[in-house]
Amino acid sequence: AVAIDFTLTYPDIVEKLVLIDSTGYTNAPAFVQ
């Protein structure tokens, strides 16, 4: 998820992206905050 957010913010410096069993769709429940 960190890598996805970074890539979306700084796309010019990320040549390729690799996600290993990544969060992004499944995250901590909203009530946690």
PDB file of all heavy atoms in Angstrom:
ATOM      1  N   ALA A   1       0.838  -1.206   0.000  1.00  0.00           N
ATOM      2  CA  ALA A   1       0.000   0.000   0.000  1.00  0.00           C
ATOM      3  C   ALA A   1       0.870   1.251   0.000  1.00  0.00           C
ATOM      4  O   ALA A   1       0.565   2.232  -0.691  1.00  0.00           O
ATOM      5  CB  ALA A   1      -0.927  -0.011   1.220  1.00  0.00           C
ATOM      6  N   VAL A   2       1.960   1.226   0.769  1.00  0.00           N
ATOM      7  CA  VAL A   2       2.901   2.349   0.770  1.00  0.00           C
ATOM      8  C   VAL A   2       3.463   2.555  -0.637  1.00  0.00           C
ATOM      9  O   VAL A   2       3.547   3.682  -1.136  1.00  0.00           O
ATOM     10  CB  VAL A   2       4.055   2.091   1.766  1.00  0.00           C
ATOM     11  CG1 VAL A   2       5.088   3.219   1.683  1.00  0.00           C
ATOM     12  CG2 VAL A   2       3.525   1.956   3.189  1.00  0.00           C
ATOM     13  N   ALA A   3       3.840   1.458  -1.289  1.00  0.00           N
ATOM     14  CA  ALA A   3       4.416   1.535  -2.632  1.00  0.00           C
ATOM     15  C   ALA A   3       3.408   2.081  -3.643  1.00  0.00           C
ATOM     16  O   ALA A   3       3.760   2.858  -4.533  1.00  0.00           O
ATOM     17  CB  ALA A   3       4.916   0.158  -3.064  1.00  0.00           C
ATOM     18  N   ILE A   4       2.151   1.676  -3.512  1.00  0.00           N
ATOM     19  CA  ILE A   4       1.113   2.177  -4.414  1.00  0.00           C
ATOM     20  C   ILE A   4       0.928   3.683  -4.240  1.00  0.00           C
ATOM     21  O   ILE A   4       0.905   4.447  -5.213  1.00  0.00           O
ATOM     22  CB  ILE A   4      -0.217   1.439  -4.170  1.00  0.00           C
ATOM     23  CG1 ILE A   4      -0.100  -0.021  -4.599  1.00  0.00           C
ATOM     24  CG2 ILE A   4      -1.368   2.123  -4.926  1.00  0.00           C
ATOM     25  CD1 ILE A   4      -1.264  -0.890  -4.134  1.00  0.00           C
ATOM     26  N   ASP A   5       0.803   4.117  -2.993  1.00  0.00           N
ATOM     27  CA  ASP A   5       0.619   5.543  -2.716  1.00  0.00           C
ATOM     28  C   ASP A   5       1.817   6.345  -3.213  1.00  0.00           C
ATOM     29  O   ASP A   5       1.663   7.425  -3.805  1.00  0.00           O
ATOM     30  CB  ASP A   5       0.429   5.743  -1.211  1.00  0.00           C
ATOM     31  CG  ASP A   5       0.057   7.173  -0.848  1.00  0.00           C
ATOM     32  OD1 ASP A   5      -0.592   7.853  -1.674  1.00  0.00           O
ATOM     33  OD2 ASP A   5       0.412   7.620   0.259  1.00  0.00           O
ATOM     34  N   PHE A   6       3.025   5.826  -3.003  1.00  0.00           N
ATOM     35  CA  PHE A   6       4.238   6.513  -3.454  1.00  0.00           C
ATOM     36  C   PHE A   6       4.255   6.601  -4.982  1.00  0.00           C
ATOM     37  O   PHE A   6       4.576   7.649  -5.561  1.00  0.00           O
ATOM     38  CB  PHE A   6       5.472   5.766  -2.951  1.00  0.00           C
ATOM     39  CG  PHE A   6       6.762   6.493  -3.202  1.00  0.00           C
ATOM     40  CD1 PHE A   6       7.315   7.304  -2.227  1.00  0.00           C
ATOM     41  CD2 PHE A   6       7.430   6.368  -4.416  1.00  0.00           C
ATOM     42  CE1 PHE A   6       8.502   7.982  -2.452  1.00  0.00           C
ATOM     43  CE2 PHE A   6       8.617   7.044  -4.655  1.00  0.00           C
ATOM     44  CZ  PHE A   6       9.158   7.852  -3.659  1.00  0.00           C
ATOM     45  N   THR A   7       3.907   5.515  -5.645  1.00  0.00           N
ATOM     46  CA  THR A   7       3.918   5.479  -7.108  1.00  0.00           C
ATOM     47  C   THR A   7       2.918   6.468  -7.697  1.00  0.00           C
ATOM     48  O   THR A   7       3.202   7.151  -8.691  1.00  0.00           O
ATOM     49  CB  THR A   7       3.607   4.052  -7.599  1.00  0.00           C
ATOM     50  OG1 THR A   7       4.605   3.154  -7.110  1.00  0.00           O
ATOM     51  CG2 THR A   7       3.561   3.980  -9.112  1.00  0.00           C
ATOM     52  N   LEU A   8       1.752   6.565  -7.094  1.00  0.00           N
ATOM     53  CA  LEU A   8       0.746   7.506  -7.573  1.00  0.00           C
ATOM     54  C   LEU A   8       1.173   8.955  -7.365  1.00  0.00           C
ATOM     55  O   LEU A   8       0.811   9.836  -8.150  1.00  0.00           O
ATOM     56  CB  LEU A   8      -0.585   7.250  -6.850  1.00  0.00           C
ATOM     57  CG  LEU A   8      -1.300   5.951  -7.219  1.00  0.00           C
ATOM     58  CD1 LEU A   8      -2.457   5.687  -6.258  1.00  0.00           C
ATOM     59  CD2 LEU A   8      -1.813   6.005  -8.659  1.00  0.00           C
ATOM     60  N   THR A   9       1.959   9.195  -6.309  1.00  0.00           N
ATOM     61  CA  THR A   9       2.400  10.556  -5.997  1.00  0.00           C
ATOM     62  C   THR A   9       3.636  10.956  -6.786  1.00  0.00           C
ATOM     63  O   THR A   9       3.766  12.102  -7.220  1.00  0.00           O
ATOM     64  CB  THR A   9       2.688  10.683  -4.492  1.00  0.00           C
ATOM     65  OG1 THR A   9       1.541  10.243  -3.745  1.00  0.00           O
ATOM     66  CG2 THR A   9       3.008  12.124  -4.105  1.00  0.00           C
ATOM     67  N   TYR A  10       4.559  10.001  -6.977  1.00  0.00           N
ATOM     68  CA  TYR A  10       5.831  10.279  -7.661  1.00  0.00           C
ATOM     69  C   TYR A  10       6.017   9.294  -8.819  1.00  0.00           C
ATOM     70  O   TYR A  10       6.955   8.486  -8.836  1.00  0.00           O
ATOM     71  CB  TYR A  10       6.998  10.158  -6.681  1.00  0.00           C
ATOM     72  CG  TYR A  10       6.859  10.996  -5.431  1.00  0.00           C
ATOM     73  CD1 TYR A  10       6.526  10.407  -4.210  1.00  0.00           C
ATOM     74  CD2 TYR A  10       7.067  12.369  -5.453  1.00  0.00           C
ATOM     75  CE1 TYR A  10       6.406  11.161  -3.049  1.00  0.00           C
ATOM     76  CE2 TYR A  10       6.950  13.134  -4.307  1.00  0.00           C
ATOM     77  CZ  TYR A  10       6.616  12.522  -3.110  1.00  0.00           C
ATOM     78  OH  TYR A  10       6.497  13.288  -1.970  1.00  0.00           O
ATOM     79  N   PRO A  11       5.140   9.323  -9.814  1.00  0.00           N
ATOM     80  CA  PRO A  11       5.179   8.304 -10.874  1.00  0.00           C
ATOM     81  C   PRO A  11       6.439   8.315 -11.728  1.00  0.00           C
ATOM     82  O   PRO A  11       6.820   7.277 -12.274  1.00  0.00           O
ATOM     83  CB  PRO A  11       3.940   8.635 -11.717  1.00  0.00           C
ATOM     84  CG  PRO A  11       3.685  10.089 -11.455  1.00  0.00           C
ATOM     85  CD  PRO A  11       4.071  10.313 -10.031  1.00  0.00           C
ATOM     86  N   ASP A  12       7.099   9.457 -11.843  1.00  0.00           N
ATOM     87  CA  ASP A  12       8.246   9.549 -12.737  1.00  0.00           C
ATOM     88  C   ASP A  12       9.471   8.803 -12.232  1.00  0.00           C
ATOM     89  O   ASP A  12      10.398   8.548 -13.015  1.00  0.00           O
ATOM     90  CB  ASP A  12       8.626  11.025 -12.962  1.00  0.00           C
ATOM     91  CG  ASP A  12       7.560  11.779 -13.737  1.00  0.00           C
ATOM     92  OD1 ASP A  12       6.741  11.111 -14.413  1.00  0.00           O
ATOM     93  OD2 ASP A  12       7.540  13.014 -13.668  1.00  0.00           O
ATOM     94  N   ILE A  13       9.514   8.471 -10.948  1.00  0.00           N
ATOM     95  CA  ILE A  13      10.719   7.827 -10.422  1.00  0.00           C
ATOM     96  C   ILE A  13      10.519   6.348 -10.115  1.00  0.00           C
ATOM     97  O   ILE A  13      11.455   5.668  -9.699  1.00  0.00           O
ATOM     98  CB  ILE A  13      11.239   8.558  -9.159  1.00  0.00           C
ATOM     99  CG1 ILE A  13      10.241   8.451  -8.013  1.00  0.00           C
ATOM    100  CG2 ILE A  13      11.545  10.006  -9.483  1.00  0.00           C
ATOM    101  CD1 ILE A  13      10.743   9.103  -6.740  1.00  0.00           C
ATOM    102  N   VAL A  14       9.306   5.855 -10.339  1.00  0.00           N
ATOM    103  CA  VAL A  14       9.039   4.421 -10.161  1.00  0.00           C
ATOM    104  C   VAL A  14       8.947   3.794 -11.551  1.00  0.00           C
ATOM    105  O   VAL A  14       7.987   4.015 -12.289  1.00  0.00           O
ATOM    106  CB  VAL A  14       7.745   4.174  -9.361  1.00  0.00           C
ATOM    107  CG1 VAL A  14       7.483   2.667  -9.233  1.00  0.00           C
ATOM    108  CG2 VAL A  14       7.838   4.820  -7.985  1.00  0.00           C
ATOM    109  N   GLU A  15       9.966   3.015 -11.888  1.00  0.00           N
ATOM    110  CA  GLU A  15      10.000   2.397 -13.210  1.00  0.00           C
ATOM    111  C   GLU A  15       9.007   1.243 -13.305  1.00  0.00           C
ATOM    112  O   GLU A  15       8.278   1.103 -14.287  1.00  0.00           O
ATOM    113  CB  GLU A  15      11.420   1.900 -13.506  1.00  0.00           C
ATOM    114  CG  GLU A  15      11.621   1.418 -14.917  1.00  0.00           C
ATOM    115  CD  GLU A  15      13.086   1.204 -15.233  1.00  0.00           C
ATOM    116  OE1 GLU A  15      13.840   2.203 -15.260  1.00  0.00           O
ATOM    117  OE2 GLU A  15      13.481   0.047 -15.436  1.00  0.00           O
ATOM    118  N   LYS A  16       8.999   0.405 -12.275  1.00  0.00           N
ATOM    119  CA  LYS A  16       8.073  -0.717 -12.211  1.00  0.00           C
ATOM    120  C   LYS A  16       7.661  -0.916 -10.755  1.00  0.00           C
ATOM    121  O   LYS A  16       8.346  -0.461  -9.833  1.00  0.00           O
ATOM    122  CB  LYS A  16       8.706  -2.001 -12.761  1.00  0.00           C
ATOM    123  CG  LYS A  16       9.019  -1.946 -14.252  1.00  0.00           C
ATOM    124  CD  LYS A  16       9.608  -3.266 -14.740  1.00  0.00           C
ATOM    125  CE  LYS A  16       9.913  -3.206 -16.241  1.00  0.00           C
ATOM    126  NZ  LYS A  16      10.482  -4.498 -16.740  1.00  0.00           N
ATOM    127  N   LEU A  17       6.554  -1.627 -10.579  1.00  0.00           N
ATOM    128  CA  LEU A  17       5.989  -1.826  -9.246  1.00  0.00           C
ATOM    129  C   LEU A  17       5.786  -3.314  -9.003  1.00  0.00           C
ATOM    130  O   LEU A  17       5.295  -4.036  -9.881  1.00  0.00           O
ATOM    131  CB  LEU A  17       4.654  -1.080  -9.154  1.00  0.00           C
ATOM    132  CG  LEU A  17       3.851  -1.157  -7.859  1.00  0.00           C
ATOM    133  CD1 LEU A  17       4.616  -0.502  -6.709  1.00  0.00           C
ATOM    134  CD2 LEU A  17       2.490  -0.475  -8.046  1.00  0.00           C
ATOM    135  N   VAL A  18       6.150  -3.774  -7.801  1.00  0.00           N
ATOM    136  CA  VAL A  18       5.928  -5.173  -7.406  1.00  0.00           C
ATOM    137  C   VAL A  18       5.145  -5.176  -6.098  1.00  0.00           C
ATOM    138  O   VAL A  18       5.546  -4.541  -5.121  1.00  0.00           O
ATOM    139  CB  VAL A  18       7.252  -5.942  -7.221  1.00  0.00           C
ATOM    140  CG1 VAL A  18       6.966  -7.382  -6.793  1.00  0.00           C
ATOM    141  CG2 VAL A  18       8.082  -5.922  -8.502  1.00  0.00           C
ATOM    142  N   LEU A  19       4.029  -5.890  -6.087  1.00  0.00           N
ATOM    143  CA  LEU A  19       3.191  -6.012  -4.897  1.00  0.00           C
ATOM    144  C   LEU A  19       3.206  -7.458  -4.422  1.00  0.00           C
ATOM    145  O   LEU A  19       2.884  -8.370  -5.187  1.00  0.00           O
ATOM    146  CB  LEU A  19       1.751  -5.586  -5.215  1.00  0.00           C
ATOM    147  CG  LEU A  19       1.575  -4.189  -5.819  1.00  0.00           C
ATOM    148  CD1 LEU A  19       0.102  -3.951  -6.163  1.00  0.00           C
ATOM    149  CD2 LEU A  19       2.084  -3.116  -4.865  1.00  0.00           C
ATOM    150  N   ILE A  20       3.592  -7.662  -3.174  1.00  0.00           N
ATOM    151  CA  ILE A  20       3.655  -9.002  -2.598  1.00  0.00           C
ATOM    152  C   ILE A  20       2.560  -9.128  -1.541  1.00  0.00           C
ATOM    153  O   ILE A  20       2.643  -8.521  -0.472  1.00  0.00           O
ATOM    154  CB  ILE A  20       5.029  -9.284  -1.964  1.00  0.00           C
ATOM    155  CG1 ILE A  20       6.159  -9.079  -2.985  1.00  0.00           C
ATOM    156  CG2 ILE A  20       5.083 -10.697  -1.390  1.00  0.00           C
ATOM    157  CD1 ILE A  20       7.562  -9.229  -2.407  1.00  0.00           C
ATOM    158  N   ASP A  21       1.501  -9.882  -1.857  1.00  0.00           N
ATOM    159  CA  ASP A  21       0.382 -10.054  -0.919  1.00  0.00           C
ATOM    160  C   ASP A  21       0.045  -8.711  -0.264  1.00  0.00           C
ATOM    161  O   ASP A  21       0.079  -8.564   0.961  1.00  0.00           O
ATOM    162  CB  ASP A  21       0.714 -11.119   0.114  1.00  0.00           C
ATOM    163  CG  ASP A  21       0.750 -12.514  -0.483  1.00  0.00           C
ATOM    164  OD1 ASP A  21       1.708 -12.829  -1.211  1.00  0.00           O
ATOM    165  OD2 ASP A  21      -0.181 -13.287  -0.243  1.00  0.00           O
ATOM    166  N   SER A  22      -0.280  -7.766  -1.086  1.00  0.00           N
ATOM    167  CA  SER A  22      -0.382  -6.368  -0.671  1.00  0.00           C
ATOM    168  C   SER A  22      -1.733  -6.013  -0.064  1.00  0.00           C
ATOM    169  O   SER A  22      -2.784  -6.510  -0.482  1.00  0.00           O
ATOM    170  CB  SER A  22      -0.138  -5.474  -1.889  1.00  0.00           C
ATOM    171  OG  SER A  22      -0.341  -4.119  -1.576  1.00  0.00           O
ATOM    172  N   THR A  23      -1.699  -5.132   0.928  1.00  0.00           N
ATOM    173  CA  THR A  23      -2.924  -4.462   1.346  1.00  0.00           C
ATOM    174  C   THR A  23      -3.198  -3.339   0.344  1.00  0.00           C
ATOM    175  O   THR A  23      -2.383  -3.038  -0.508  1.00  0.00           O
ATOM    176  CB  THR A  23      -2.797  -3.877   2.770  1.00  0.00           C
ATOM    177  OG1 THR A  23      -1.754  -2.891   2.786  1.00  0.00           O
ATOM    178  CG2 THR A  23      -2.496  -4.959   3.780  1.00  0.00           C
ATOM    179  N   GLY A  24      -4.352  -2.740   0.485  1.00  0.00           N
ATOM    180  CA  GLY A  24      -4.762  -1.695  -0.458  1.00  0.00           C
ATOM    181  C   GLY A  24      -6.254  -1.789  -0.682  1.00  0.00           C
ATOM    182  O   GLY A  24      -6.971  -0.789  -0.674  1.00  0.00           O
ATOM    183  N   TYR A  25      -6.715  -3.025  -0.872  1.00  0.00           N
ATOM    184  CA  TYR A  25      -8.155  -3.273  -0.872  1.00  0.00           C
ATOM    185  C   TYR A  25      -8.615  -3.662   0.531  1.00  0.00           C
ATOM    186  O   TYR A  25      -9.635  -3.188   1.012  1.00  0.00           O
ATOM    187  CB  TYR A  25      -8.501  -4.374  -1.871  1.00  0.00           C
ATOM    188  CG  TYR A  25      -8.548  -3.881  -3.285  1.00  0.00           C
ATOM    189  CD1 TYR A  25      -7.554  -4.222  -4.197  1.00  0.00           C
ATOM    190  CD2 TYR A  25      -9.583  -3.052  -3.724  1.00  0.00           C
ATOM    191  CE1 TYR A  25      -7.584  -3.756  -5.499  1.00  0.00           C
ATOM    192  CE2 TYR A  25      -9.624  -2.572  -5.019  1.00  0.00           C
ATOM    193  CZ  TYR A  25      -8.626  -2.933  -5.908  1.00  0.00           C
ATOM    194  OH  TYR A  25      -8.658  -2.457  -7.186  1.00  0.00           O
ATOM    195  N   THR A  26      -7.861  -4.540   1.167  1.00  0.00           N
ATOM    196  CA  THR A  26      -8.153  -4.892   2.549  1.00  0.00           C
ATOM    197  C   THR A  26      -7.242  -4.073   3.450  1.00  0.00           C
ATOM    198  O   THR A  26      -6.017  -4.182   3.382  1.00  0.00           O
ATOM    199  CB  THR A  26      -7.907  -6.389   2.806  1.00  0.00           C
ATOM    200  OG1 THR A  26      -8.790  -7.150   1.983  1.00  0.00           O
ATOM    201  CG2 THR A  26      -8.159  -6.728   4.257  1.00  0.00           C
ATOM    202  N   ASN A  27      -7.833  -3.227   4.269  1.00  0.00           N
ATOM    203  CA  ASN A  27      -7.091  -2.384   5.193  1.00  0.00           C
ATOM    204  C   ASN A  27      -7.702  -2.521   6.582  1.00  0.00           C
ATOM    205  O   ASN A  27      -8.673  -3.259   6.779  1.00  0.00           O
ATOM    206  CB  ASN A  27      -7.133  -0.921   4.731  1.00  0.00           C
ATOM    207  CG  ASN A  27      -6.466  -0.718   3.386  1.00  0.00           C
ATOM    208  OD1 ASN A  27      -5.249  -0.778   3.273  1.00  0.00           O
ATOM    209  ND2 ASN A  27      -7.266  -0.499   2.341  1.00  0.00           N
ATOM    210  N   ALA A  28      -7.116  -1.843   7.538  1.00  0.00           N
ATOM    211  CA  ALA A  28      -7.667  -1.886   8.896  1.00  0.00           C
ATOM    212  C   ALA A  28      -9.096  -1.349   8.885  1.00  0.00           C
ATOM    213  O   ALA A  28      -9.418  -0.431   8.121  1.00  0.00           O
ATOM    214  CB  ALA A  28      -6.800  -1.057   9.840  1.00  0.00           C
ATOM    215  N   PRO A  29      -9.982  -1.924   9.706  1.00  0.00           N
ATOM    216  CA  PRO A  29     -11.362  -1.421   9.759  1.00  0.00           C
ATOM    217  C   PRO A  29     -11.391   0.070  10.088  1.00  0.00           C
ATOM    218  O   PRO A  29     -10.559   0.573  10.842  1.00  0.00           O
ATOM    219  CB  PRO A  29     -11.985  -2.241  10.902  1.00  0.00           C
ATOM    220  CG  PRO A  29     -11.141  -3.468  11.005  1.00  0.00           C
ATOM    221  CD  PRO A  29      -9.753  -3.038  10.635  1.00  0.00           C
ATOM    222  N   ALA A  30     -12.349   0.780   9.522  1.00  0.00           N
ATOM    223  CA  ALA A  30     -12.421   2.234   9.691  1.00  0.00           C
ATOM    224  C   ALA A  30     -12.555   2.645  11.154  1.00  0.00           C
ATOM    225  O   ALA A  30     -12.057   3.698  11.558  1.00  0.00           O
ATOM    226  CB  ALA A  30     -13.595   2.786   8.881  1.00  0.00           C
ATOM    227  N   PHE A  31     -13.217   1.802  11.977  1.00  0.00           N
ATOM    228  CA  PHE A  31     -13.450   2.198  13.363  1.00  0.00           C
ATOM    229  C   PHE A  31     -12.161   2.309  14.168  1.00  0.00           C
ATOM    230  O   PHE A  31     -12.141   2.959  15.218  1.00  0.00           O
ATOM    231  CB  PHE A  31     -14.403   1.212  14.055  1.00  0.00           C
ATOM    232  CG  PHE A  31     -13.819  -0.139  14.337  1.00  0.00           C
ATOM    233  CD1 PHE A  31     -13.032  -0.353  15.462  1.00  0.00           C
ATOM    234  CD2 PHE A  31     -14.059  -1.211  13.475  1.00  0.00           C
ATOM    235  CE1 PHE A  31     -12.497  -1.606  15.727  1.00  0.00           C
ATOM    236  CE2 PHE A  31     -13.527  -2.462  13.735  1.00  0.00           C
ATOM    237  CZ  PHE A  31     -12.740  -2.659  14.858  1.00  0.00           C
ATOM    238  N   VAL A  32     -11.074   1.701  13.683  1.00  0.00           N
ATOM    239  CA  VAL A  32      -9.818   1.714  14.431  1.00  0.00           C
ATOM    240  C   VAL A  32      -9.348   3.139  14.698  1.00  0.00           C
ATOM    241  O   VAL A  32      -8.825   3.454  15.767  1.00  0.00           O
ATOM    242  CB  VAL A  32      -8.734   0.913  13.678  1.00  0.00           C
ATOM    243  CG1 VAL A  32      -7.364   1.119  14.313  1.00  0.00           C
ATOM    244  CG2 VAL A  32      -9.093  -0.563  13.658  1.00  0.00           C
ATOM    245  N   GLN A  33      -9.543   4.029  13.722  1.00  0.00           N
ATOM    246  CA  GLN A  33      -9.042   5.396  13.889  1.00  0.00           C
ATOM    247  C   GLN A  33      -9.828   6.191  14.927  1.00  0.00           C
ATOM    248  O   GLN A  33      -9.394   7.263  15.351  1.00  0.00           O
ATOM    249  CB  GLN A  33      -9.056   6.137  12.551  1.00  0.00           C
ATOM    250  CG  GLN A  33     -10.427   6.310  11.936  1.00  0.00           C
ATOM    251  CD  GLN A  33     -10.369   6.936  10.559  1.00  0.00           C
ATOM    252  OE1 GLN A  33      -9.907   8.065  10.380  1.00  0.00           O
ATOM    253  NE2 GLN A  33     -10.830   6.198   9.568  1.00  0.00           N
TER     254      GLN A  33
END
